[in-house]
C-alpha atoms as a PDB file:
ATOM      1  CA  MET A   1       2.810 -11.014   2.049  1.00  0.00           C
ATOM      2  CA  LYS A   2       1.108  -8.180   3.930  1.00  0.00           C
ATOM      3  CA  ILE A   3       1.776  -4.678   2.647  1.00  0.00           C
ATOM      4  CA  TYR A   4       0.824  -1.743   4.876  1.00  0.00           C
ATOM      5  CA  VAL A   5      -0.270   1.754   3.839  1.00  0.00           C
ATOM      6  CA  ASP A   6      -0.805   4.742   6.147  1.00  0.00           C
ATOM      7  CA  ILE A   7      -1.408   8.254   4.808  1.00  0.00           C
ATOM      8  CA  ASN A   8      -0.572   9.626   8.265  1.00  0.00           C
ATOM      9  CA  THR A   9       2.957   8.205   8.409  1.00  0.00           C
ATOM     10  CA  LYS A  10       5.720  10.801   8.751  1.00  0.00           C
ATOM     11  CA  ARG A  11       7.600   9.573   5.667  1.00  0.00           C
ATOM     12  CA  ASP A  12       7.229   6.911   3.011  1.00  0.00           C
ATOM     13  CA  GLY A  13       8.453   3.517   4.129  1.00  0.00           C
ATOM     14  CA  ASN A  14       8.960   0.043   2.706  1.00  0.00           C
ATOM     15  CA  GLY A  15       5.466  -1.383   3.241  1.00  0.00           C
ATOM     16  CA  THR A  16       6.091  -3.070   6.586  1.00  0.00           C
ATOM     17  CA  LYS A  17       3.818  -2.454   9.565  1.00  0.00           C
ATOM     18  CA  GLU A  18       6.586  -0.417  11.221  1.00  0.00           C
ATOM     19  CA  HIS A  19       7.354   1.574   8.027  1.00  0.00           C
ATOM     20  CA  PRO A  20       4.214   1.647   5.856  1.00  0.00           C
ATOM     21  CA  TYR A  21       3.885   3.195   2.437  1.00  0.00           C
ATOM     22  CA  LYS A  22       2.207   6.597   2.358  1.00  0.00           C
ATOM     23  CA  LEU A  23       0.181   5.890  -0.808  1.00  0.00           C
ATOM     24  CA  ILE A  24      -1.980   2.932  -1.849  1.00  0.00           C
ATOM     25  CA  ASN A  25      -0.541   3.076  -5.362  1.00  0.00           C
ATOM     26  CA  GLU A  26       2.951   2.345  -4.016  1.00  0.00           C
ATOM     27  CA  ALA A  27       1.638  -0.899  -2.535  1.00  0.00           C
ATOM     28  CA  ALA A  28      -0.294  -1.663  -5.740  1.00  0.00           C
ATOM     29  CA  LYS A  29       2.938  -1.442  -7.743  1.00  0.00           C
ATOM     30  CA  ILE A  30       4.570  -4.311  -5.838  1.00  0.00           C
ATOM     31  CA  ALA A  31       1.576  -6.445  -4.830  1.00  0.00           C
ATOM     32  CA  VAL A  32       1.207  -9.806  -6.552  1.00  0.00           C
ATOM     33  CA  PRO A  33      -1.722 -12.249  -6.484  1.00  0.00           C
ATOM     34  CA  GLY A  34      -2.177 -13.527  -2.926  1.00  0.00           C
ATOM     35  CA  ASP A  35      -0.733 -10.437  -1.212  1.00  0.00           C
ATOM     36  CA  GLU A  36      -2.808  -8.367   1.196  1.00  0.00           C
ATOM     37  CA  VAL A  37      -2.697  -4.573   1.101  1.00  0.00           C
ATOM     38  CA  LEU A  38      -3.783  -3.299   4.515  1.00  0.00           C
ATOM     39  CA  VAL A  39      -4.822   0.354   4.449  1.00  0.00           C
ATOM     40  CA  PHE A  40      -4.995   2.364   7.661  1.00  0.00           C
ATOM     41  CA  PRO A  41      -7.886   4.851   8.038  1.00  0.00           C
ATOM     42  CA  GLY A  42      -7.463   8.186   6.319  1.00  0.00           C
ATOM     43  CA  VAL A  43      -8.262  10.099   3.151  1.00  0.00           C
ATOM     44  CA  TYR A  44      -6.239   9.030   0.125  1.00  0.00           C
ATOM     45  CA  HIS A  45      -6.513  11.268  -2.951  1.00  0.00           C
ATOM     46  CA  GLU A  46      -4.980   9.178  -5.713  1.00  0.00           C
ATOM     47  CA  ASN A  47      -5.667   6.918  -8.657  1.00  0.00           C
ATOM     48  CA  VAL A  48      -4.707   3.319  -7.948  1.00  0.00           C
ATOM     49  CA  ASN A  49      -3.303   1.330 -10.853  1.00  0.00           C
ATOM     50  CA  PRO A  50      -2.331  -2.236  -9.853  1.00  0.00           C
ATOM     51  CA  VAL A  51       0.512  -3.601 -11.976  1.00  0.00           C
ATOM     52  CA  ASN A  52      -0.268  -7.279 -11.320  1.00  0.00           C
ATOM     53  CA  ALA A  53      -3.833  -8.531 -11.523  1.00  0.00           C
ATOM     54  CA  GLY A  54      -5.119 -11.957 -10.622  1.00  0.00           C
ATOM     55  CA  THR A  55      -6.456 -14.017  -7.773  1.00  0.00           C
END
């Protein structure tokens, strides 16, 4: 699954391209091995803590 993140979005979405998450950590919470987190350009001030690790 592809999960999208864009700090410049107007409001937090559901991770789709049309409604991306605002923070990388939100995507990291739901991502599982094999998922892609696609991050749009911008400055993200946060600590990222992936819940699921693996390959």
